[in-house]
Amino acid sequence: ENGQSYIDDVEEGDLWNFESGVAHSIQALDKGCEF
């Protein structure tokens, strides 16, 4: 909501969190993914 952005790569065992209203996307990299 402050117009601040974020980008990161995650692997097996990693976590993420988006609070209410935070716009986001998830894109699989070379291995594909399940979460």
PDB file of all heavy atoms in Angstrom:
ATOM      1  N   GLU A   1       0.807  -1.221   0.000  1.00  0.00           N
ATOM      2  CA  GLU A   1       0.000   0.000   0.000  1.00  0.00           C
ATOM      3  C   GLU A   1       0.842   1.275   0.000  1.00  0.00           C
ATOM      4  O   GLU A   1       0.324   2.370  -0.252  1.00  0.00           O
ATOM      5  CB  GLU A   1      -0.939   0.004   1.207  1.00  0.00           C
ATOM      6  CG  GLU A   1      -0.267   0.134   2.569  1.00  0.00           C
ATOM      7  CD  GLU A   1       0.198  -1.202   3.143  1.00  0.00           C
ATOM      8  OE1 GLU A   1       0.314  -2.182   2.381  1.00  0.00           O
ATOM      9  OE2 GLU A   1       0.438  -1.249   4.367  1.00  0.00           O
ATOM     10  N   ASN A   2       2.147   1.143   0.252  1.00  0.00           N
ATOM     11  CA  ASN A   2       3.043   2.291   0.207  1.00  0.00           C
ATOM     12  C   ASN A   2       3.703   2.449  -1.156  1.00  0.00           C
ATOM     13  O   ASN A   2       4.573   3.308  -1.326  1.00  0.00           O
ATOM     14  CB  ASN A   2       4.122   2.155   1.289  1.00  0.00           C
ATOM     15  CG  ASN A   2       3.528   2.093   2.688  1.00  0.00           C
ATOM     16  OD1 ASN A   2       2.677   2.905   3.041  1.00  0.00           O
ATOM     17  ND2 ASN A   2       3.966   1.126   3.478  1.00  0.00           N
ATOM     18  N   GLY A   3       3.294   1.611  -2.106  1.00  0.00           N
ATOM     19  CA  GLY A   3       3.884   1.661  -3.434  1.00  0.00           C
ATOM     20  C   GLY A   3       5.282   1.081  -3.480  1.00  0.00           C
ATOM     21  O   GLY A   3       6.003   1.250  -4.474  1.00  0.00           O
ATOM     22  N   GLN A   4       5.670   0.363  -2.423  1.00  0.00           N
ATOM     23  CA  GLN A   4       6.987  -0.264  -2.381  1.00  0.00           C
ATOM     24  C   GLN A   4       6.894  -1.682  -2.934  1.00  0.00           C
ATOM     25  O   GLN A   4       5.912  -2.387  -2.693  1.00  0.00           O
ATOM     26  CB  GLN A   4       7.526  -0.260  -0.955  1.00  0.00           C
ATOM     27  CG  GLN A   4       7.774   1.147  -0.417  1.00  0.00           C
ATOM     28  CD  GLN A   4       8.209   1.158   1.026  1.00  0.00           C
ATOM     29  OE1 GLN A   4       7.662   0.427   1.851  1.00  0.00           O
ATOM     30  NE2 GLN A   4       9.200   1.988   1.354  1.00  0.00           N
ATOM     31  N   SER A   5       7.902  -2.102  -3.654  1.00  0.00           N
ATOM     32  CA  SER A   5       7.846  -3.375  -4.371  1.00  0.00           C
ATOM     33  C   SER A   5       8.784  -4.404  -3.757  1.00  0.00           C
ATOM     34  O   SER A   5       9.638  -4.097  -2.922  1.00  0.00           O
ATOM     35  CB  SER A   5       8.189  -3.153  -5.849  1.00  0.00           C
ATOM     36  OG  SER A   5       9.434  -2.482  -5.981  1.00  0.00           O
ATOM     37  N   TYR A   6       8.610  -5.642  -4.233  1.00  0.00           N
ATOM     38  CA  TYR A   6       9.414  -6.754  -3.720  1.00  0.00           C
ATOM     39  C   TYR A   6       9.540  -7.810  -4.800  1.00  0.00           C
ATOM     40  O   TYR A   6       8.589  -8.094  -5.540  1.00  0.00           O
ATOM     41  CB  TYR A   6       8.765  -7.364  -2.478  1.00  0.00           C
ATOM     42  CG  TYR A   6       9.647  -8.368  -1.783  1.00  0.00           C
ATOM     43  CD1 TYR A   6      10.705  -7.949  -0.989  1.00  0.00           C
ATOM     44  CD2 TYR A   6       9.441  -9.737  -1.933  1.00  0.00           C
ATOM     45  CE1 TYR A   6      11.539  -8.869  -0.348  1.00  0.00           C
ATOM     46  CE2 TYR A   6      10.264 -10.656  -1.300  1.00  0.00           C
ATOM     47  CZ  TYR A   6      11.309 -10.217  -0.511  1.00  0.00           C
ATOM     48  OH  TYR A   6      12.127 -11.118   0.113  1.00  0.00           O
ATOM     49  N   ILE A   7      10.723  -8.407  -4.880  1.00  0.00           N
ATOM     50  CA  ILE A   7      10.957  -9.519  -5.794  1.00  0.00           C
ATOM     51  C   ILE A   7      11.992 -10.442  -5.162  1.00  0.00           C
ATOM     52  O   ILE A   7      12.976  -9.977  -4.582  1.00  0.00           O
ATOM     53  CB  ILE A   7      11.418  -9.022  -7.194  1.00  0.00           C
ATOM     54  CG1 ILE A   7      11.596 -10.196  -8.167  1.00  0.00           C
ATOM     55  CG2 ILE A   7      12.687  -8.190  -7.091  1.00  0.00           C
ATOM     56  CD1 ILE A   7      11.836  -9.752  -9.610  1.00  0.00           C
ATOM     57  N   ASP A   8      11.748 -11.763  -5.234  1.00  0.00           N
ATOM     58  CA  ASP A   8      12.689 -12.724  -4.664  1.00  0.00           C
ATOM     59  C   ASP A   8      12.410 -14.093  -5.262  1.00  0.00           C
ATOM     60  O   ASP A   8      11.302 -14.365  -5.754  1.00  0.00           O
ATOM     61  CB  ASP A   8      12.560 -12.785  -3.141  1.00  0.00           C
ATOM     62  CG  ASP A   8      13.747 -13.501  -2.475  1.00  0.00           C
ATOM     63  OD1 ASP A   8      14.805 -13.625  -3.120  1.00  0.00           O
ATOM     64  OD2 ASP A   8      13.599 -13.932  -1.316  1.00  0.00           O
ATOM     65  N   ASP A   9      13.422 -14.944  -5.231  1.00  0.00           N
ATOM     66  CA  ASP A   9      13.275 -16.329  -5.663  1.00  0.00           C
ATOM     67  C   ASP A   9      13.215 -17.234  -4.438  1.00  0.00           C
ATOM     68  O   ASP A   9      13.977 -17.049  -3.481  1.00  0.00           O
ATOM     69  CB  ASP A   9      14.444 -16.745  -6.558  1.00  0.00           C
ATOM     70  CG  ASP A   9      14.426 -16.030  -7.900  1.00  0.00           C
ATOM     71  OD1 ASP A   9      13.370 -15.488  -8.278  1.00  0.00           O
ATOM     72  OD2 ASP A   9      15.489 -16.004  -8.566  1.00  0.00           O
ATOM     73  N   VAL A  10      12.324 -18.214  -4.471  1.00  0.00           N
ATOM     74  CA  VAL A  10      12.154 -19.136  -3.349  1.00  0.00           C
ATOM     75  C   VAL A  10      12.323 -20.569  -3.835  1.00  0.00           C
ATOM     76  O   VAL A  10      12.014 -20.897  -4.984  1.00  0.00           O
ATOM     77  CB  VAL A  10      10.774 -18.961  -2.675  1.00  0.00           C
ATOM     78  CG1 VAL A  10      10.715 -17.649  -1.923  1.00  0.00           C
ATOM     79  CG2 VAL A  10       9.638 -19.040  -3.691  1.00  0.00           C
ATOM     80  N   GLU A  11      12.810 -21.422  -2.929  1.00  0.00           N
ATOM     81  CA  GLU A  11      13.016 -22.836  -3.214  1.00  0.00           C
ATOM     82  C   GLU A  11      12.324 -23.675  -2.157  1.00  0.00           C
ATOM     83  O   GLU A  11      11.710 -23.149  -1.229  1.00  0.00           O
ATOM     84  CB  GLU A  11      14.521 -23.147  -3.263  1.00  0.00           C
ATOM     85  CG  GLU A  11      15.262 -22.405  -4.361  1.00  0.00           C
ATOM     86  CD  GLU A  11      16.733 -22.770  -4.420  1.00  0.00           C
ATOM     87  OE1 GLU A  11      17.238 -23.327  -3.416  1.00  0.00           O
ATOM     88  OE2 GLU A  11      17.374 -22.504  -5.453  1.00  0.00           O
ATOM     89  N   GLU A  12      12.435 -24.988  -2.286  1.00  0.00           N
ATOM     90  CA  GLU A  12      11.793 -25.903  -1.350  1.00  0.00           C
ATOM     91  C   GLU A  12      12.133 -25.551   0.098  1.00  0.00           C
ATOM     92  O   GLU A  12      13.289 -25.365   0.453  1.00  0.00           O
ATOM     93  CB  GLU A  12      12.229 -27.338  -1.651  1.00  0.00           C
ATOM     94  CG  GLU A  12      11.568 -28.387  -0.768  1.00  0.00           C
ATOM     95  CD  GLU A  12      11.950 -29.805  -1.161  1.00  0.00           C
ATOM     96  OE1 GLU A  12      12.306 -30.032  -2.335  1.00  0.00           O
ATOM     97  OE2 GLU A  12      11.883 -30.695  -0.289  1.00  0.00           O
ATOM     98  N   GLY A  13      11.102 -25.428   0.934  1.00  0.00           N
ATOM     99  CA  GLY A  13      11.275 -25.085   2.337  1.00  0.00           C
ATOM    100  C   GLY A  13      11.165 -23.608   2.641  1.00  0.00           C
ATOM    101  O   GLY A  13      11.018 -23.229   3.806  1.00  0.00           O
ATOM    102  N   ASP A  14      11.220 -22.744   1.630  1.00  0.00           N
ATOM    103  CA  ASP A  14      11.119 -21.304   1.850  1.00  0.00           C
ATOM    104  C   ASP A  14       9.662 -20.875   2.028  1.00  0.00           C
ATOM    105  O   ASP A  14       8.734 -21.554   1.577  1.00  0.00           O
ATOM    106  CB  ASP A  14      11.745 -20.539   0.689  1.00  0.00           C
ATOM    107  CG  ASP A  14      13.259 -20.708   0.626  1.00  0.00           C
ATOM    108  OD1 ASP A  14      13.858 -21.080   1.656  1.00  0.00           O
ATOM    109  OD2 ASP A  14      13.842 -20.468  -0.450  1.00  0.00           O
ATOM    110  N   LEU A  15       9.487 -19.712   2.653  1.00  0.00           N
ATOM    111  CA  LEU A  15       8.159 -19.180   2.949  1.00  0.00           C
ATOM    112  C   LEU A  15       7.962 -17.834   2.288  1.00  0.00           C
ATOM    113  O   LEU A  15       8.928 -17.141   1.951  1.00  0.00           O
ATOM    114  CB  LEU A  15       7.980 -18.987   4.459  1.00  0.00           C
ATOM    115  CG  LEU A  15       8.439 -20.066   5.423  1.00  0.00           C
ATOM    116  CD1 LEU A  15       8.246 -19.582   6.851  1.00  0.00           C
ATOM    117  CD2 LEU A  15       7.694 -21.353   5.188  1.00  0.00           C
ATOM    118  N   TRP A  16       6.691 -17.434   2.145  1.00  0.00           N
ATOM    119  CA  TRP A  16       6.362 -16.048   1.811  1.00  0.00           C
ATOM    120  C   TRP A  16       5.087 -15.656   2.533  1.00  0.00           C
ATOM    121  O   TRP A  16       4.339 -16.504   3.035  1.00  0.00           O
ATOM    122  CB  TRP A  16       6.232 -15.832   0.306  1.00  0.00           C
ATOM    123  CG  TRP A  16       5.146 -16.590  -0.376  1.00  0.00           C
ATOM    124  CD1 TRP A  16       3.835 -16.220  -0.523  1.00  0.00           C
ATOM    125  CD2 TRP A  16       5.269 -17.848  -1.053  1.00  0.00           C
ATOM    126  NE1 TRP A  16       3.139 -17.165  -1.234  1.00  0.00           N
ATOM    127  CE2 TRP A  16       3.990 -18.173  -1.577  1.00  0.00           C
ATOM    128  CE3 TRP A  16       6.334 -18.726  -1.268  1.00  0.00           C
ATOM    129  CZ2 TRP A  16       3.762 -19.345  -2.283  1.00  0.00           C
ATOM    130  CZ3 TRP A  16       6.100 -19.886  -1.980  1.00  0.00           C
ATOM    131  CH2 TRP A  16       4.826 -20.185  -2.481  1.00  0.00           C
ATOM    132  N   ASN A  17       4.851 -14.360   2.605  1.00  0.00           N
ATOM    133  CA  ASN A  17       3.653 -13.856   3.274  1.00  0.00           C
ATOM    134  C   ASN A  17       3.196 -12.571   2.606  1.00  0.00           C
ATOM    135  O   ASN A  17       3.989 -11.644   2.382  1.00  0.00           O
ATOM    136  CB  ASN A  17       3.939 -13.582   4.750  1.00  0.00           C
ATOM    137  CG  ASN A  17       2.678 -13.214   5.511  1.00  0.00           C
ATOM    138  OD1 ASN A  17       1.974 -14.086   6.021  1.00  0.00           O
ATOM    139  ND2 ASN A  17       2.357 -11.926   5.590  1.00  0.00           N
ATOM    140  N   PHE A  18       1.904 -12.513   2.269  1.00  0.00           N
ATOM    141  CA  PHE A  18       1.285 -11.308   1.742  1.00  0.00           C
ATOM    142  C   PHE A  18       0.114 -10.946   2.641  1.00  0.00           C
ATOM    143  O   PHE A  18      -0.818 -11.740   2.792  1.00  0.00           O
ATOM    144  CB  PHE A  18       0.794 -11.516   0.302  1.00  0.00           C
ATOM    145  CG  PHE A  18       1.860 -12.001  -0.650  1.00  0.00           C
ATOM    146  CD1 PHE A  18       1.686 -13.181  -1.378  1.00  0.00           C
ATOM    147  CD2 PHE A  18       3.036 -11.296  -0.813  1.00  0.00           C
ATOM    148  CE1 PHE A  18       2.661 -13.628  -2.251  1.00  0.00           C
ATOM    149  CE2 PHE A  18       4.023 -11.742  -1.685  1.00  0.00           C
ATOM    150  CZ  PHE A  18       3.836 -12.916  -2.405  1.00  0.00           C
ATOM    151  N   GLU A  19       0.163  -9.764   3.225  1.00  0.00           N
ATOM    152  CA  GLU A  19      -0.959  -9.318   4.039  1.00  0.00           C
ATOM    153  C   GLU A  19      -2.122  -8.900   3.143  1.00  0.00           C
ATOM    154  O   GLU A  19      -1.998  -8.819   1.922  1.00  0.00           O
ATOM    155  CB  GLU A  19      -0.522  -8.173   4.950  1.00  0.00           C
ATOM    156  CG  GLU A  19       0.445  -8.594   6.043  1.00  0.00           C
ATOM    157  CD  GLU A  19      -0.145  -9.627   6.996  1.00  0.00           C
ATOM    158  OE1 GLU A  19      -1.247  -9.389   7.527  1.00  0.00           O
ATOM    159  OE2 GLU A  19       0.501 -10.684   7.208  1.00  0.00           O
ATOM    160  N   SER A  20      -3.265  -8.648   3.736  1.00  0.00           N
ATOM    161  CA  SER A  20      -4.485  -8.310   3.003  1.00  0.00           C
ATOM    162  C   SER A  20      -4.243  -7.167   2.026  1.00  0.00           C
ATOM    163  O   SER A  20      -3.659  -6.137   2.374  1.00  0.00           O
ATOM    164  CB  SER A  20      -5.568  -7.902   3.999  1.00  0.00           C
ATOM    165  OG  SER A  20      -6.713  -7.427   3.340  1.00  0.00           O
ATOM    166  N   GLY A  21      -4.676  -7.365   0.782  1.00  0.00           N
ATOM    167  CA  GLY A  21      -4.623  -6.317  -0.227  1.00  0.00           C
ATOM    168  C   GLY A  21      -3.320  -6.167  -0.965  1.00  0.00           C
ATOM    169  O   GLY A  21      -3.247  -5.393  -1.930  1.00  0.00           O
ATOM    170  N   VAL A  22      -2.267  -6.863  -0.557  1.00  0.00           N
ATOM    171  CA  VAL A  22      -0.970  -6.757  -1.234  1.00  0.00           C
ATOM    172  C   VAL A  22      -1.045  -7.483  -2.576  1.00  0.00           C
ATOM    173  O   VAL A  22      -1.347  -8.678  -2.634  1.00  0.00           O
ATOM    174  CB  VAL A  22       0.158  -7.334  -0.364  1.00  0.00           C
ATOM    175  CG1 VAL A  22       1.465  -7.410  -1.147  1.00  0.00           C
ATOM    176  CG2 VAL A  22       0.334  -6.491   0.893  1.00  0.00           C
ATOM    177  N   ALA A  23      -0.768  -6.768  -3.666  1.00  0.00           N
ATOM    178  CA  ALA A  23      -0.819  -7.368  -5.007  1.00  0.00           C
ATOM    179  C   ALA A  23       0.451  -8.194  -5.243  1.00  0.00           C
ATOM    180  O   ALA A  23       1.545  -7.766  -4.876  1.00  0.00           O
ATOM    181  CB  ALA A  23      -0.944  -6.275  -6.064  1.00  0.00           C
ATOM    182  N   HIS A  24       0.285  -9.359  -5.876  1.00  0.00           N
ATOM    183  CA  HIS A  24       1.436 -10.243  -6.015  1.00  0.00           C
ATOM    184  C   HIS A  24       1.250 -11.218  -7.169  1.00  0.00           C
ATOM    185  O   HIS A  24       0.148 -11.371  -7.712  1.00  0.00           O
ATOM    186  CB  HIS A  24       1.688 -11.017  -4.720  1.00  0.00           C
ATOM    187  CG  HIS A  24       0.492 -11.787  -4.237  1.00  0.00           C
ATOM    188  ND1 HIS A  24      -0.545 -11.199  -3.565  1.00  0.00           N
ATOM    189  CD2 HIS A  24       0.174 -13.112  -4.317  1.00  0.00           C
ATOM    190  CE1 HIS A  24      -1.451 -12.103  -3.244  1.00  0.00           C
ATOM    191  NE2 HIS A  24      -1.038 -13.284  -3.691  1.00  0.00           N
ATOM    192  N   SER A  25       2.340 -11.890  -7.510  1.00  0.00           N
ATOM    193  CA  SER A  25       2.311 -12.974  -8.494  1.00  0.00           C
ATOM    194  C   SER A  25       3.307 -14.036  -8.080  1.00  0.00           C
ATOM    195  O   SER A  25       4.221 -13.794  -7.283  1.00  0.00           O
ATOM    196  CB  SER A  25       2.654 -12.460  -9.898  1.00  0.00           C
ATOM    197  OG  SER A  25       4.030 -12.090  -9.975  1.00  0.00           O
ATOM    198  N   ILE A  26       3.115 -15.235  -8.620  1.00  0.00           N
ATOM    199  CA  ILE A  26       4.030 -16.354  -8.406  1.00  0.00           C
ATOM    200  C   ILE A  26       4.318 -16.955  -9.778  1.00  0.00           C
ATOM    201  O   ILE A  26       3.389 -17.300 -10.516  1.00  0.00           O
ATOM    202  CB  ILE A  26       3.401 -17.426  -7.488  1.00  0.00           C
ATOM    203  CG1 ILE A  26       2.959 -16.812  -6.155  1.00  0.00           C
ATOM    204  CG2 ILE A  26       4.379 -18.572  -7.253  1.00  0.00           C
ATOM    205  CD1 ILE A  26       2.084 -17.721  -5.321  1.00  0.00           C
ATOM    206  N   GLN A  27       5.585 -17.071 -10.133  1.00  0.00           N
ATOM    207  CA  GLN A  27       5.966 -17.671 -11.408  1.00  0.00           C
ATOM    208  C   GLN A  27       6.981 -18.770 -11.173  1.00  0.00           C
ATOM    209  O   GLN A  27       8.001 -18.561 -10.507  1.00  0.00           O
ATOM    210  CB  GLN A  27       6.552 -16.635 -12.377  1.00  0.00           C
ATOM    211  CG  GLN A  27       6.877 -17.233 -13.752  1.00  0.00           C
ATOM    212  CD  GLN A  27       7.491 -16.240 -14.720  1.00  0.00           C
ATOM    213  OE1 GLN A  27       7.960 -15.174 -14.324  1.00  0.00           O
ATOM    214  NE2 GLN A  27       7.507 -16.595 -16.001  1.00  0.00           N
ATOM    215  N   ALA A  28       6.705 -19.947 -11.727  1.00  0.00           N
ATOM    216  CA  ALA A  28       7.637 -21.067 -11.590  1.00  0.00           C
ATOM    217  C   ALA A  28       8.909 -20.807 -12.380  1.00  0.00           C
ATOM    218  O   ALA A  28       8.867 -20.247 -13.482  1.00  0.00           O
ATOM    219  CB  ALA A  28       6.983 -22.353 -12.059  1.00  0.00           C
ATOM    220  N   LEU A  29      10.026 -21.232 -11.815  1.00  0.00           N
ATOM    221  CA  LEU A  29      11.301 -21.138 -12.511  1.00  0.00           C
ATOM    222  C   LEU A  29      11.607 -22.459 -13.215  1.00  0.00           C
ATOM    223  O   LEU A  29      10.688 -23.190 -13.577  1.00  0.00           O
ATOM    224  CB  LEU A  29      12.390 -20.726 -11.516  1.00  0.00           C
ATOM    225  CG  LEU A  29      12.167 -19.345 -10.866  1.00  0.00           C
ATOM    226  CD1 LEU A  29      13.257 -19.044  -9.847  1.00  0.00           C
ATOM    227  CD2 LEU A  29      12.091 -18.253 -11.923  1.00  0.00           C
ATOM    228  N   ASP A  30      12.860 -22.787 -13.409  1.00  0.00           N
ATOM    229  CA  ASP A  30      13.216 -23.894 -14.295  1.00  0.00           C
ATOM    230  C   ASP A  30      12.751 -25.266 -13.824  1.00  0.00           C
ATOM    231  O   ASP A  30      12.518 -26.167 -14.641  1.00  0.00           O
ATOM    232  CB  ASP A  30      14.735 -23.914 -14.504  1.00  0.00           C
ATOM    233  CG  ASP A  30      15.502 -24.085 -13.200  1.00  0.00           C
ATOM    234  OD1 ASP A  30      15.337 -23.233 -12.302  1.00  0.00           O
ATOM    235  OD2 ASP A  30      16.274 -25.053 -13.072  1.00  0.00           O
ATOM    236  N   LYS A  31      12.586 -25.476 -12.506  1.00  0.00           N
ATOM    237  CA  LYS A  31      12.169 -26.784 -11.998  1.00  0.00           C
ATOM    238  C   LYS A  31      10.656 -26.966 -11.973  1.00  0.00           C
ATOM    239  O   LYS A  31      10.169 -28.079 -11.753  1.00  0.00           O
ATOM    240  CB  LYS A  31      12.708 -26.987 -10.576  1.00  0.00           C
ATOM    241  CG  LYS A  31      14.215 -27.012 -10.463  1.00  0.00           C
ATOM    242  CD  LYS A  31      14.633 -27.180  -8.999  1.00  0.00           C
ATOM    243  CE  LYS A  31      16.136 -27.173  -8.837  1.00  0.00           C
ATOM    244  NZ  LYS A  31      16.537 -27.274  -7.412  1.00  0.00           N
ATOM    245  N   GLY A  32       9.899 -25.876 -12.201  1.00  0.00           N
ATOM    246  CA  GLY A  32       8.488 -25.925 -11.870  1.00  0.00           C
ATOM    247  C   GLY A  32       8.359 -25.868 -10.355  1.00  0.00           C
ATOM    248  O   GLY A  32       9.357 -25.807  -9.626  1.00  0.00           O
ATOM    249  N   CYS A  33       7.136 -25.903  -9.848  1.00  0.00           N
ATOM    250  CA  CYS A  33       6.996 -25.804  -8.397  1.00  0.00           C
ATOM    251  C   CYS A  33       5.642 -26.328  -7.931  1.00  0.00           C
ATOM    252  O   CYS A  33       4.679 -26.413  -8.704  1.00  0.00           O
ATOM    253  CB  CYS A  33       7.169 -24.354  -7.928  1.00  0.00           C
ATOM    254  SG  CYS A  33       5.928 -23.202  -8.567  1.00  0.00           S
ATOM    255  N   GLU A  34       5.596 -26.701  -6.659  1.00  0.00           N
ATOM    256  CA  GLU A  34       4.364 -27.029  -5.956  1.00  0.00           C
ATOM    257  C   GLU A  34       4.451 -26.389  -4.584  1.00  0.00           C
ATOM    258  O   GLU A  34       5.516 -26.392  -3.965  1.00  0.00           O
ATOM    259  CB  GLU A  34       4.156 -28.535  -5.832  1.00  0.00           C
ATOM    260  CG  GLU A  34       2.836 -28.899  -5.142  1.00  0.00           C
ATOM    261  CD  GLU A  34       2.555 -30.390  -5.101  1.00  0.00           C
ATOM    262  OE1 GLU A  34       3.257 -31.144  -5.811  1.00  0.00           O
ATOM    263  OE2 GLU A  34       1.642 -30.800  -4.345  1.00  0.00           O
ATOM    264  N   PHE A  35       3.340 -25.827  -4.113  1.00  0.00           N
ATOM    265  CA  PHE A  35       3.392 -25.106  -2.851  1.00  0.00           C
ATOM    266  C   PHE A  35       2.063 -25.184  -2.117  1.00  0.00           C
ATOM    267  O   PHE A  35       1.028 -25.562  -2.676  1.00  0.00           O
ATOM    268  CB  PHE A  35       3.795 -23.639  -3.067  1.00  0.00           C
ATOM    269  CG  PHE A  35       3.067 -22.936  -4.177  1.00  0.00           C
ATOM    270  CD1 PHE A  35       1.862 -22.288  -3.958  1.00  0.00           C
ATOM    271  CD2 PHE A  35       3.588 -22.916  -5.469  1.00  0.00           C
ATOM    272  CE1 PHE A  35       1.195 -21.634  -4.978  1.00  0.00           C
ATOM    273  CE2 PHE A  35       2.932 -22.270  -6.508  1.00  0.00           C
ATOM    274  CZ  PHE A  35       1.729 -21.626  -6.263  1.00  0.00           C
TER     275      PHE A  35
END
